[in-house]
């Protein structure tokens, strides 16, 4: 009897029902649901022919060295900053991701955060529930978003979907992305700037849609906030380590940033001892209605969850069948 190839899903997933439909009976799918790579036996790492990698584990050079039989690592998601691409390349392991499964979902979430902040809905709901204060001024001074300048950092798939939403709300859209070819601004009828500071000077709202790289790590720092338009609304549904949380805390306290909506944080779950997280948890008056945090959930709904897993499995299967993958990183 032919020995089955092993598909390893080390983190997050426990019931691989979607994956089984893709791989069929010729593959054995093993899930371990761990938070630490050391909790997976080396024999299993050695024997895996493909790894479907979520975001709890870091695939560094040491771990990749254990992947003796592995032909492909697929990041079950968009971001791949937890995979050492150079180490994988040296081992002749193909690395892929799933860049398109949650494009509209993340853009929708970015706007859900924005609209909650600008319309005061969270404040209204909380105050009604606590004291039944039937008064429209309790959310502070609200302003319409029509004709505001909406700044986007990173005009990839999600950034583009977000730009279209901003345009539909009547906002002026400006973006910064040095890696986008000329002409995309004309196709979308949005404004391009060539320097980040140009965007910071113009934007009333900034939404971040970049990967985490050496270039973007801690990009949103003290210098960033020193150059923004006062009363900025900041939205981040990309990667948490793009924002320096200490700098954001100071910018909120100094009223440089009016409000922030964060789906991602530098540490997840967050460091409960960080002063900004403490103030948010305690619902301190100075931060009321100004900070929204969601648990890295912008991508999530039933449809996107299934699509992401299915596309990741299909990508791995293509490589194992000696076909060209659709979204190869290395």
C-alpha atoms as a PDB file:
ATOM      1  CA  UNK A   1       0.000   0.000   0.000  1.00  0.00           C
ATOM      2  CA  UNK A   2       1.326   3.446  -0.965  1.00  0.00           C
ATOM      3  CA  UNK A   3       2.394   5.543   2.034  1.00  0.00           C
ATOM      4  CA  UNK A   4       0.393   8.730   2.403  1.00  0.00           C
ATOM      5  CA  UNK A   5       2.096  12.089   2.271  1.00  0.00           C
ATOM      6  CA  UNK A   6       1.757  14.178   5.419  1.00  0.00           C
ATOM      7  CA  UNK A   7       0.181  17.633   5.523  1.00  0.00           C
ATOM      8  CA  UNK A   8       1.059  19.339   8.808  1.00  0.00           C
ATOM      9  CA  UNK A   9      -1.098  22.128  10.247  1.00  0.00           C
ATOM     10  CA  UNK A  10       0.745  23.000  13.471  1.00  0.00           C
ATOM     11  CA  UNK A  11      -1.251  25.932  14.856  1.00  0.00           C
ATOM     12  CA  UNK A  12      -4.792  27.270  15.217  1.00  0.00           C
ATOM     13  CA  UNK A  13      -6.722  24.523  13.444  1.00  0.00           C
ATOM     14  CA  UNK A  14      -8.062  21.381  15.109  1.00  0.00           C
ATOM     15  CA  UNK A  15     -10.663  20.067  12.646  1.00  0.00           C
ATOM     16  CA  UNK A  16      -9.315  20.078   9.059  1.00  0.00           C
ATOM     17  CA  UNK A  17     -12.653  19.429   7.357  1.00  0.00           C
ATOM     18  CA  UNK A  18     -12.117  21.997   4.586  1.00  0.00           C
ATOM     19  CA  UNK A  19      -8.595  20.743   3.943  1.00  0.00           C
ATOM     20  CA  UNK A  20      -9.688  17.098   3.737  1.00  0.00           C
ATOM     21  CA  UNK A  21     -12.044  17.950   0.883  1.00  0.00           C
ATOM     22  CA  UNK A  22      -9.100  19.415  -1.033  1.00  0.00           C
ATOM     23  CA  UNK A  23      -6.460  16.755  -0.355  1.00  0.00           C
ATOM     24  CA  UNK A  24      -8.690  13.689  -0.480  1.00  0.00           C
ATOM     25  CA  UNK A  25      -7.605  10.241   0.687  1.00  0.00           C
ATOM     26  CA  UNK A  26      -4.058  10.292  -0.678  1.00  0.00           C
ATOM     27  CA  UNK A  27      -2.809  12.574   2.093  1.00  0.00           C
ATOM     28  CA  UNK A  28      -2.746  12.379   5.868  1.00  0.00           C
ATOM     29  CA  UNK A  29      -3.562  15.684   7.567  1.00  0.00           C
ATOM     30  CA  UNK A  30      -2.122  16.158  11.051  1.00  0.00           C
ATOM     31  CA  UNK A  31      -3.085  19.058  13.316  1.00  0.00           C
ATOM     32  CA  UNK A  32      -1.299  19.801  16.589  1.00  0.00           C
ATOM     33  CA  UNK A  33      -2.809  23.161  17.652  1.00  0.00           C
ATOM     34  CA  UNK A  34       0.294  24.407  19.476  1.00  0.00           C
ATOM     35  CA  UNK A  35       1.585  27.868  20.324  1.00  0.00           C
ATOM     36  CA  UNK A  36       5.245  26.849  20.359  1.00  0.00           C
ATOM     37  CA  UNK A  37       7.134  25.016  17.615  1.00  0.00           C
ATOM     38  CA  UNK A  38       9.042  22.998  20.233  1.00  0.00           C
ATOM     39  CA  UNK A  39       5.765  21.337  21.202  1.00  0.00           C
ATOM     40  CA  UNK A  40       5.724  19.535  17.841  1.00  0.00           C
ATOM     41  CA  UNK A  41       7.889  16.421  17.750  1.00  0.00           C
ATOM     42  CA  UNK A  42      10.925  16.698  15.466  1.00  0.00           C
ATOM     43  CA  UNK A  43       9.892  13.475  13.757  1.00  0.00           C
ATOM     44  CA  UNK A  44       6.703  15.175  12.606  1.00  0.00           C
ATOM     45  CA  UNK A  45       8.563  18.234  11.339  1.00  0.00           C
ATOM     46  CA  UNK A  46      10.964  15.897   9.521  1.00  0.00           C
ATOM     47  CA  UNK A  47       8.204  13.879   7.859  1.00  0.00           C
ATOM     48  CA  UNK A  48       5.845  16.665   6.737  1.00  0.00           C
ATOM     49  CA  UNK A  49       5.607  17.067   2.961  1.00  0.00           C
ATOM     50  CA  UNK A  50       3.683  20.337   3.245  1.00  0.00           C
ATOM     51  CA  UNK A  51       3.019  22.801   6.062  1.00  0.00           C
ATOM     52  CA  UNK A  52      -0.071  24.981   6.230  1.00  0.00           C
ATOM     53  CA  UNK A  53       1.203  27.736   8.508  1.00  0.00           C
ATOM     54  CA  UNK A  54      -1.060  30.070  10.417  1.00  0.00           C
ATOM     55  CA  UNK A  55       0.434  32.978  12.404  1.00  0.00           C
ATOM     56  CA  UNK A  56       1.189  31.605  15.877  1.00  0.00           C
ATOM     57  CA  UNK A  57       4.561  30.027  15.022  1.00  0.00           C
ATOM     58  CA  UNK A  58       7.732  31.582  13.629  1.00  0.00           C
ATOM     59  CA  UNK A  59       9.347  29.621  10.817  1.00  0.00           C
ATOM     60  CA  UNK A  60      12.932  30.684  11.384  1.00  0.00           C
ATOM     61  CA  UNK A  61      16.064  29.083   9.942  1.00  0.00           C
ATOM     62  CA  UNK A  62      16.321  26.624  12.838  1.00  0.00           C
ATOM     63  CA  UNK A  63      12.785  25.336  12.366  1.00  0.00           C
ATOM     64  CA  UNK A  64      13.019  25.237   8.568  1.00  0.00           C
ATOM     65  CA  UNK A  65      16.167  23.118   8.904  1.00  0.00           C
ATOM     66  CA  UNK A  66      13.948  20.411  10.438  1.00  0.00           C
ATOM     67  CA  UNK A  67      11.692  20.293   7.362  1.00  0.00           C
ATOM     68  CA  UNK A  68      13.606  17.506   5.648  1.00  0.00           C
ATOM     69  CA  UNK A  69      10.713  16.208   3.523  1.00  0.00           C
ATOM     70  CA  UNK A  70       8.865  19.485   3.033  1.00  0.00           C
ATOM     71  CA  UNK A  71       8.207  20.801  -0.461  1.00  0.00           C
ATOM     72  CA  UNK A  72       5.978  23.746   0.377  1.00  0.00           C
ATOM     73  CA  UNK A  73       4.953  26.086   3.193  1.00  0.00           C
ATOM     74  CA  UNK A  74       1.705  27.953   2.633  1.00  0.00           C
ATOM     75  CA  UNK A  75       0.849  30.870   4.891  1.00  0.00           C
ATOM     76  CA  UNK A  76      -2.838  30.559   5.606  1.00  0.00           C
ATOM     77  CA  UNK A  77      -3.359  34.274   5.169  1.00  0.00           C
ATOM     78  CA  UNK A  78      -1.770  37.307   3.576  1.00  0.00           C
ATOM     79  CA  UNK A  79       1.160  38.269   5.822  1.00  0.00           C
ATOM     80  CA  UNK A  80       4.285  36.128   5.699  1.00  0.00           C
ATOM     81  CA  UNK A  81       6.579  37.970   8.105  1.00  0.00           C
ATOM     82  CA  UNK A  82       6.720  34.863  10.336  1.00  0.00           C
ATOM     83  CA  UNK A  83       8.461  32.825   7.602  1.00  0.00           C
ATOM     84  CA  UNK A  84      12.187  33.170   6.851  1.00  0.00           C
ATOM     85  CA  UNK A  85      12.023  33.254   3.062  1.00  0.00           C
ATOM     86  CA  UNK A  86      15.788  33.036   2.579  1.00  0.00           C
ATOM     87  CA  UNK A  87      16.077  29.949   4.794  1.00  0.00           C
ATOM     88  CA  UNK A  88      13.222  28.295   2.896  1.00  0.00           C
ATOM     89  CA  UNK A  89      14.838  29.123  -0.439  1.00  0.00           C
ATOM     90  CA  UNK A  90      18.101  27.499   0.659  1.00  0.00           C
ATOM     91  CA  UNK A  91      16.162  24.323   1.485  1.00  0.00           C
ATOM     92  CA  UNK A  92      14.361  24.446  -1.886  1.00  0.00           C
ATOM     93  CA  UNK A  93      11.035  24.837  -0.097  1.00  0.00           C
ATOM     94  CA  UNK A  94       8.416  26.806  -1.992  1.00  0.00           C
ATOM     95  CA  UNK A  95       6.649  29.441   0.121  1.00  0.00           C
ATOM     96  CA  UNK A  96       3.215  30.745  -0.858  1.00  0.00           C
ATOM     97  CA  UNK A  97       0.470  32.823   0.710  1.00  0.00           C
ATOM     98  CA  UNK A  98      -3.218  33.548   0.143  1.00  0.00           C
ATOM     99  CA  UNK A  99      -3.321  37.252  -0.724  1.00  0.00           C
ATOM    100  CA  UNK A 100      -6.864  37.671  -1.985  1.00  0.00           C
ATOM    101  CA  UNK A 101      -9.271  35.777   0.259  1.00  0.00           C
ATOM    102  CA  UNK A 102     -10.227  38.664   2.584  1.00  0.00           C
ATOM    103  CA  UNK A 103      -9.713  41.727   0.431  1.00  0.00           C
ATOM    104  CA  UNK A 104     -13.227  43.123   0.789  1.00  0.00           C
ATOM    105  CA  UNK A 105     -13.624  41.869   4.349  1.00  0.00           C
ATOM    106  CA  UNK A 106     -10.577  43.744   5.658  1.00  0.00           C
ATOM    107  CA  UNK A 107     -11.578  46.891   3.767  1.00  0.00           C
ATOM    108  CA  UNK A 108     -15.066  46.601   5.286  1.00  0.00           C
ATOM    109  CA  UNK A 109     -13.560  46.202   8.748  1.00  0.00           C
ATOM    110  CA  UNK A 110     -11.355  49.257   8.293  1.00  0.00           C
ATOM    111  CA  UNK A 111     -14.485  51.240   7.494  1.00  0.00           C
ATOM    112  CA  UNK A 112     -16.412  49.693  10.370  1.00  0.00           C
ATOM    113  CA  UNK A 113     -13.722  50.983  12.733  1.00  0.00           C
ATOM    114  CA  UNK A 114     -13.740  54.389  11.077  1.00  0.00           C
ATOM    115  CA  UNK A 115     -17.515  54.809  11.093  1.00  0.00           C
ATOM    116  CA  UNK A 116     -17.788  53.684  14.703  1.00  0.00           C
ATOM    117  CA  UNK A 117     -15.265  56.339  15.682  1.00  0.00           C
ATOM    118  CA  UNK A 118     -16.590  59.221  13.589  1.00  0.00           C
ATOM    119  CA  UNK A 119     -20.271  58.578  14.365  1.00  0.00           C
ATOM    120  CA  UNK A 120     -19.742  57.926  18.092  1.00  0.00           C
ATOM    121  CA  UNK A 121     -21.803  54.731  17.987  1.00  0.00           C
ATOM    122  CA  UNK A 122     -19.783  52.899  20.623  1.00  0.00           C
ATOM    123  CA  UNK A 123     -20.052  55.853  23.044  1.00  0.00           C
ATOM    124  CA  UNK A 124     -23.782  56.246  22.477  1.00  0.00           C
ATOM    125  CA  UNK A 125     -24.414  52.543  23.000  1.00  0.00           C
ATOM    126  CA  UNK A 126     -22.319  52.402  26.187  1.00  0.00           C
ATOM    127  CA  UNK A 127     -23.893  55.485  27.752  1.00  0.00           C
ATOM    128  CA  UNK A 128     -27.421  54.423  26.924  1.00  0.00           C
ATOM    129  CA  UNK A 129     -26.776  51.007  28.400  1.00  0.00           C
ATOM    130  CA  UNK A 130     -25.258  52.412  31.581  1.00  0.00           C
ATOM    131  CA  UNK A 131     -27.438  55.442  32.316  1.00  0.00           C
ATOM    132  CA  UNK A 132     -30.074  55.677  29.558  1.00  0.00           C
ATOM    133  CA  UNK A 133     -28.844  59.145  28.649  1.00  0.00           C
ATOM    134  CA  UNK A 134     -30.966  59.915  25.578  1.00  0.00           C
ATOM    135  CA  UNK A 135     -28.851  62.763  24.319  1.00  0.00           C
ATOM    136  CA  UNK A 136     -26.964  63.176  21.046  1.00  0.00           C
ATOM    137  CA  UNK A 137     -24.144  65.378  22.411  1.00  0.00           C
ATOM    138  CA  UNK A 138     -22.642  62.696  24.686  1.00  0.00           C
ATOM    139  CA  UNK A 139     -20.307  61.425  21.953  1.00  0.00           C
ATOM    140  CA  UNK A 140     -18.524  64.763  21.788  1.00  0.00           C
ATOM    141  CA  UNK A 141     -18.071  66.950  18.738  1.00  0.00           C
ATOM    142  CA  UNK A 142     -18.776  64.912  15.611  1.00  0.00           C
ATOM    143  CA  UNK A 143     -17.996  65.924  12.038  1.00  0.00           C
ATOM    144  CA  UNK A 144     -19.189  64.621   8.688  1.00  0.00           C
ATOM    145  CA  UNK A 145     -16.633  62.669   6.699  1.00  0.00           C
ATOM    146  CA  UNK A 146     -17.715  63.887   3.254  1.00  0.00           C
ATOM    147  CA  UNK A 147     -14.915  65.947   1.692  1.00  0.00           C
ATOM    148  CA  UNK A 148     -12.337  64.889   4.299  1.00  0.00           C
ATOM    149  CA  UNK A 149      -9.004  63.646   2.965  1.00  0.00           C
ATOM    150  CA  UNK A 150      -8.588  59.905   3.345  1.00  0.00           C
ATOM    151  CA  UNK A 151      -4.937  58.826   3.265  1.00  0.00           C
ATOM    152  CA  UNK A 152      -3.935  55.273   2.403  1.00  0.00           C
ATOM    153  CA  UNK A 153      -0.482  53.859   3.040  1.00  0.00           C
ATOM    154  CA  UNK A 154      -0.132  50.820   0.798  1.00  0.00           C
ATOM    155  CA  UNK A 155      -2.326  50.587  -2.312  1.00  0.00           C
ATOM    156  CA  UNK A 156      -2.332  46.842  -2.849  1.00  0.00           C
ATOM    157  CA  UNK A 157      -5.468  44.712  -3.084  1.00  0.00           C
ATOM    158  CA  UNK A 158      -6.887  45.749   0.293  1.00  0.00           C
ATOM    159  CA  UNK A 159      -5.715  49.337   0.018  1.00  0.00           C
ATOM    160  CA  UNK A 160      -7.439  49.601  -3.346  1.00  0.00           C
ATOM    161  CA  UNK A 161     -10.692  48.150  -1.986  1.00  0.00           C
ATOM    162  CA  UNK A 162     -10.504  50.635   0.887  1.00  0.00           C
ATOM    163  CA  UNK A 163      -9.890  53.513  -1.538  1.00  0.00           C
ATOM    164  CA  UNK A 164     -13.044  52.635  -3.461  1.00  0.00           C
ATOM    165  CA  UNK A 165     -15.061  52.674  -0.249  1.00  0.00           C
ATOM    166  CA  UNK A 166     -13.630  56.039   0.753  1.00  0.00           C
ATOM    167  CA  UNK A 167     -14.518  57.481  -2.653  1.00  0.00           C
ATOM    168  CA  UNK A 168     -18.085  56.212  -2.305  1.00  0.00           C
ATOM    169  CA  UNK A 169     -18.368  58.193   0.945  1.00  0.00           C
ATOM    170  CA  UNK A 170     -17.362  61.362  -0.892  1.00  0.00           C
ATOM    171  CA  UNK A 171     -13.865  61.601   0.552  1.00  0.00           C
ATOM    172  CA  UNK A 172     -10.785  62.842  -1.240  1.00  0.00           C
ATOM    173  CA  UNK A 173      -8.413  59.881  -1.476  1.00  0.00           C
ATOM    174  CA  UNK A 174      -4.640  60.290  -1.426  1.00  0.00           C
ATOM    175  CA  UNK A 175      -2.175  57.411  -1.222  1.00  0.00           C
ATOM    176  CA  UNK A 176       1.488  56.703  -0.664  1.00  0.00           C
ATOM    177  CA  UNK A 177       2.992  53.531  -2.107  1.00  0.00           C
ATOM    178  CA  UNK A 178       6.341  53.694  -3.911  1.00  0.00           C
ATOM    179  CA  UNK A 179       5.883  50.141  -5.221  1.00  0.00           C
ATOM    180  CA  UNK A 180       2.688  50.756  -7.178  1.00  0.00           C
ATOM    181  CA  UNK A 181       3.277  51.395 -10.908  1.00  0.00           C
ATOM    182  CA  UNK A 182       2.391  54.712 -12.504  1.00  0.00           C
ATOM    183  CA  UNK A 183      -1.154  55.004 -13.759  1.00  0.00           C
ATOM    184  CA  UNK A 184      -3.018  53.219 -10.981  1.00  0.00           C
ATOM    185  CA  UNK A 185      -3.885  56.586  -9.473  1.00  0.00           C
ATOM    186  CA  UNK A 186      -5.450  57.629 -12.772  1.00  0.00           C
ATOM    187  CA  UNK A 187      -7.376  54.388 -13.120  1.00  0.00           C
ATOM    188  CA  UNK A 188      -8.848  54.795  -9.636  1.00  0.00           C
ATOM    189  CA  UNK A 189      -9.108  58.594  -9.876  1.00  0.00           C
ATOM    190  CA  UNK A 190      -7.218  59.110  -6.642  1.00  0.00           C
ATOM    191  CA  UNK A 191      -4.227  61.300  -5.819  1.00  0.00           C
ATOM    192  CA  UNK A 192      -0.726  59.937  -5.501  1.00  0.00           C
ATOM    193  CA  UNK A 193       2.037  61.460  -3.363  1.00  0.00           C
ATOM    194  CA  UNK A 194       5.697  60.551  -3.701  1.00  0.00           C
ATOM    195  CA  UNK A 195       6.724  61.216  -0.113  1.00  0.00           C
ATOM    196  CA  UNK A 196       5.144  59.874   3.054  1.00  0.00           C
ATOM    197  CA  UNK A 197       5.270  63.301   4.704  1.00  0.00           C
ATOM    198  CA  UNK A 198       3.148  64.718   1.884  1.00  0.00           C
ATOM    199  CA  UNK A 199       0.395  62.295   2.862  1.00  0.00           C
ATOM    200  CA  UNK A 200       0.800  63.053   6.571  1.00  0.00           C
ATOM    201  CA  UNK A 201       0.368  66.771   5.931  1.00  0.00           C
ATOM    202  CA  UNK A 202      -2.824  66.271   3.891  1.00  0.00           C
ATOM    203  CA  UNK A 203      -4.746  63.417   5.506  1.00  0.00           C
ATOM    204  CA  UNK A 204      -7.549  63.772   8.038  1.00  0.00           C
ATOM    205  CA  UNK A 205      -7.765  59.980   8.202  1.00  0.00           C
ATOM    206  CA  UNK A 206      -4.967  57.489   7.584  1.00  0.00           C
ATOM    207  CA  UNK A 207      -5.569  53.796   6.941  1.00  0.00           C
ATOM    208  CA  UNK A 208      -2.596  51.424   6.839  1.00  0.00           C
ATOM    209  CA  UNK A 209      -2.485  48.545   4.354  1.00  0.00           C
ATOM    210  CA  UNK A 210       1.160  47.521   4.053  1.00  0.00           C
ATOM    211  CA  UNK A 211       2.985  44.281   4.846  1.00  0.00           C
ATOM    212  CA  UNK A 212       5.390  44.191   7.789  1.00  0.00           C
ATOM    213  CA  UNK A 213       8.912  44.655   6.447  1.00  0.00           C
ATOM    214  CA  UNK A 214      12.113  46.253   7.670  1.00  0.00           C
ATOM    215  CA  UNK A 215      10.874  49.400   5.935  1.00  0.00           C
ATOM    216  CA  UNK A 216       7.465  49.493   7.631  1.00  0.00           C
ATOM    217  CA  UNK A 217       8.355  48.161  11.095  1.00  0.00           C
ATOM    218  CA  UNK A 218       7.650  50.979  13.599  1.00  0.00           C
ATOM    219  CA  UNK A 219       7.004  53.300  10.660  1.00  0.00           C
ATOM    220  CA  UNK A 220       4.242  54.959  12.670  1.00  0.00           C
ATOM    221  CA  UNK A 221       6.453  56.451  15.377  1.00  0.00           C
ATOM    222  CA  UNK A 222       7.142  59.782  17.055  1.00  0.00           C
ATOM    223  CA  UNK A 223       8.492  61.327  13.844  1.00  0.00           C
ATOM    224  CA  UNK A 224       5.380  60.162  12.017  1.00  0.00           C
ATOM    225  CA  UNK A 225       3.071  61.822  14.549  1.00  0.00           C
ATOM    226  CA  UNK A 226       5.204  64.966  14.589  1.00  0.00           C
ATOM    227  CA  UNK A 227       4.279  65.470  10.920  1.00  0.00           C
ATOM    228  CA  UNK A 228       0.595  64.546  10.850  1.00  0.00           C
ATOM    229  CA  UNK A 229      -2.359  66.878  10.623  1.00  0.00           C
ATOM    230  CA  UNK A 230      -3.779  67.515  14.093  1.00  0.00           C
ATOM    231  CA  UNK A 231      -6.895  65.528  15.074  1.00  0.00           C
ATOM    232  CA  UNK A 232      -5.901  62.641  12.844  1.00  0.00           C
ATOM    233  CA  UNK A 233      -7.971  59.447  12.845  1.00  0.00           C
ATOM    234  CA  UNK A 234      -5.696  56.426  12.444  1.00  0.00           C
ATOM    235  CA  UNK A 235      -6.851  52.974  11.284  1.00  0.00           C
ATOM    236  CA  UNK A 236      -4.635  49.875  11.198  1.00  0.00           C
ATOM    237  CA  UNK A 237      -5.854  46.535   9.861  1.00  0.00           C
ATOM    238  CA  UNK A 238      -2.427  45.511   8.516  1.00  0.00           C
ATOM    239  CA  UNK A 239       0.273  44.473  11.013  1.00  0.00           C
ATOM    240  CA  UNK A 240       0.582  45.580  14.637  1.00  0.00           C
ATOM    241  CA  UNK A 241       4.327  46.167  14.645  1.00  0.00           C
ATOM    242  CA  UNK A 242       3.938  48.913  12.053  1.00  0.00           C
ATOM    243  CA  UNK A 243       2.799  51.184  14.897  1.00  0.00           C
ATOM    244  CA  UNK A 244       4.933  52.137  17.901  1.00  0.00           C
ATOM    245  CA  UNK A 245       2.344  51.831  20.668  1.00  0.00           C
ATOM    246  CA  UNK A 246       4.235  54.203  22.988  1.00  0.00           C
ATOM    247  CA  UNK A 247       4.211  56.872  20.295  1.00  0.00           C
ATOM    248  CA  UNK A 248       0.493  56.345  19.655  1.00  0.00           C
ATOM    249  CA  UNK A 249      -0.229  56.614  23.375  1.00  0.00           C
ATOM    250  CA  UNK A 250       1.580  59.956  23.517  1.00  0.00           C
ATOM    251  CA  UNK A 251      -0.124  61.210  20.340  1.00  0.00           C
ATOM    252  CA  UNK A 252      -3.552  60.388  21.775  1.00  0.00           C
ATOM    253  CA  UNK A 253      -2.752  62.040  25.096  1.00  0.00           C
ATOM    254  CA  UNK A 254      -1.443  65.135  23.317  1.00  0.00           C
ATOM    255  CA  UNK A 255      -4.580  65.237  21.127  1.00  0.00           C
ATOM    256  CA  UNK A 256      -2.477  64.999  17.998  1.00  0.00           C
ATOM    257  CA  UNK A 257      -4.450  61.848  17.194  1.00  0.00           C
ATOM    258  CA  UNK A 258      -8.165  62.273  17.720  1.00  0.00           C
ATOM    259  CA  UNK A 259      -8.959  58.555  17.557  1.00  0.00           C
ATOM    260  CA  UNK A 260      -7.529  55.200  16.516  1.00  0.00           C
ATOM    261  CA  UNK A 261      -9.046  51.928  15.367  1.00  0.00           C
ATOM    262  CA  UNK A 262      -6.712  48.949  15.662  1.00  0.00           C
ATOM    263  CA  UNK A 263      -7.360  45.396  14.547  1.00  0.00           C
ATOM    264  CA  UNK A 264      -3.722  44.466  15.106  1.00  0.00           C
ATOM    265  CA  UNK A 265      -1.235  45.158  17.898  1.00  0.00           C
ATOM    266  CA  UNK A 266       2.536  44.750  18.314  1.00  0.00           C
ATOM    267  CA  UNK A 267       1.846  41.942  20.764  1.00  0.00           C
ATOM    268  CA  UNK A 268      -1.205  39.697  20.408  1.00  0.00           C
ATOM    269  CA  UNK A 269      -2.982  39.239  22.756  1.00  0.00           C
ATOM    270  CA  UNK A 270      -1.887  42.677  23.977  1.00  0.00           C
ATOM    271  CA  UNK A 271       0.475  43.477  26.827  1.00  0.00           C
ATOM    272  CA  UNK A 272      -1.994  44.328  29.607  1.00  0.00           C
ATOM    273  CA  UNK A 273       0.704  46.340  31.391  1.00  0.00           C
ATOM    274  CA  UNK A 274       1.117  48.801  28.545  1.00  0.00           C
ATOM    275  CA  UNK A 275      -0.276  52.192  29.660  1.00  0.00           C
ATOM    276  CA  UNK A 276      -2.448  52.598  26.569  1.00  0.00           C
ATOM    277  CA  UNK A 277      -3.969  49.139  26.985  1.00  0.00           C
ATOM    278  CA  UNK A 278      -4.521  49.808  30.690  1.00  0.00           C
ATOM    279  CA  UNK A 279      -6.290  53.101  29.951  1.00  0.00           C
ATOM    280  CA  UNK A 280      -8.426  51.413  27.292  1.00  0.00           C
ATOM    281  CA  UNK A 281      -9.397  48.524  29.576  1.00  0.00           C
ATOM    282  CA  UNK A 282     -10.200  50.884  32.443  1.00  0.00           C
ATOM    283  CA  UNK A 283     -12.294  53.060  30.095  1.00  0.00           C
ATOM    284  CA  UNK A 284     -10.508  56.152  31.349  1.00  0.00           C
ATOM    285  CA  UNK A 285     -12.389  59.349  30.552  1.00  0.00           C
ATOM    286  CA  UNK A 286      -9.630  60.872  28.421  1.00  0.00           C
ATOM    287  CA  UNK A 287      -9.764  57.896  26.035  1.00  0.00           C
ATOM    288  CA  UNK A 288     -13.555  57.509  25.891  1.00  0.00           C
ATOM    289  CA  UNK A 289     -14.704  56.809  22.343  1.00  0.00           C
ATOM    290  CA  UNK A 290     -11.210  57.382  20.970  1.00  0.00           C
ATOM    291  CA  UNK A 291      -9.717  53.899  20.809  1.00  0.00           C
ATOM    292  CA  UNK A 292     -11.249  50.780  19.293  1.00  0.00           C
ATOM    293  CA  UNK A 293      -9.431  47.447  19.398  1.00  0.00           C
ATOM    294  CA  UNK A 294     -10.558  44.244  17.701  1.00  0.00           C
ATOM    295  CA  UNK A 295      -8.760  40.861  17.975  1.00  0.00           C
ATOM    296  CA  UNK A 296      -7.022  40.566  14.581  1.00  0.00           C
ATOM    297  CA  UNK A 297     -10.435  39.722  13.185  1.00  0.00           C
ATOM    298  CA  UNK A 298     -10.718  41.996  10.142  1.00  0.00           C
ATOM    299  CA  UNK A 299     -10.441  39.044   7.788  1.00  0.00           C
ATOM    300  CA  UNK A 300     -13.000  36.932   9.550  1.00  0.00           C
ATOM    301  CA  UNK A 301     -16.425  35.819   8.512  1.00  0.00           C
ATOM    302  CA  UNK A 302     -17.661  32.356   7.685  1.00  0.00           C
ATOM    303  CA  UNK A 303     -17.139  32.737   3.955  1.00  0.00           C
ATOM    304  CA  UNK A 304     -13.653  34.229   4.132  1.00  0.00           C
ATOM    305  CA  UNK A 305     -12.526  31.660   6.711  1.00  0.00           C
ATOM    306  CA  UNK A 306     -13.451  28.785   4.421  1.00  0.00           C
ATOM    307  CA  UNK A 307     -12.063  30.507   1.323  1.00  0.00           C
ATOM    308  CA  UNK A 308      -8.722  31.186   3.012  1.00  0.00           C
ATOM    309  CA  UNK A 309      -8.293  27.584   4.135  1.00  0.00           C
ATOM    310  CA  UNK A 310      -9.427  26.129   0.831  1.00  0.00           C
ATOM    311  CA  UNK A 311      -7.098  28.318  -1.216  1.00  0.00           C
ATOM    312  CA  UNK A 312      -4.150  27.537   1.083  1.00  0.00           C
ATOM    313  CA  UNK A 313      -4.748  23.797   0.722  1.00  0.00           C
ATOM    314  CA  UNK A 314      -5.178  24.068  -3.050  1.00  0.00           C
ATOM    315  CA  UNK A 315      -1.904  25.990  -3.308  1.00  0.00           C
ATOM    316  CA  UNK A 316      -0.032  23.297  -1.370  1.00  0.00           C
ATOM    317  CA  UNK A 317      -1.607  20.586  -3.508  1.00  0.00           C
ATOM    318  CA  UNK A 318      -0.501  22.324  -6.692  1.00  0.00           C
ATOM    319  CA  UNK A 319       3.124  22.275  -5.538  1.00  0.00           C
ATOM    320  CA  UNK A 320       2.933  18.631  -4.427  1.00  0.00           C
ATOM    321  CA  UNK A 321       1.474  17.757  -7.838  1.00  0.00           C
ATOM    322  CA  UNK A 322       4.413  19.539  -9.542  1.00  0.00           C
ATOM    323  CA  UNK A 323       2.146  22.312 -10.832  1.00  0.00           C
ATOM    324  CA  UNK A 324       2.905  26.021 -10.736  1.00  0.00           C
ATOM    325  CA  UNK A 325       1.577  27.730  -7.589  1.00  0.00           C
ATOM    326  CA  UNK A 326      -0.511  30.873  -8.036  1.00  0.00           C
ATOM    327  CA  UNK A 327       1.020  32.950  -5.245  1.00  0.00           C
ATOM    328  CA  UNK A 328       4.659  31.943  -4.896  1.00  0.00           C
ATOM    329  CA  UNK A 329       6.833  34.108  -2.640  1.00  0.00           C
ATOM    330  CA  UNK A 330      10.053  32.068  -3.092  1.00  0.00           C
END
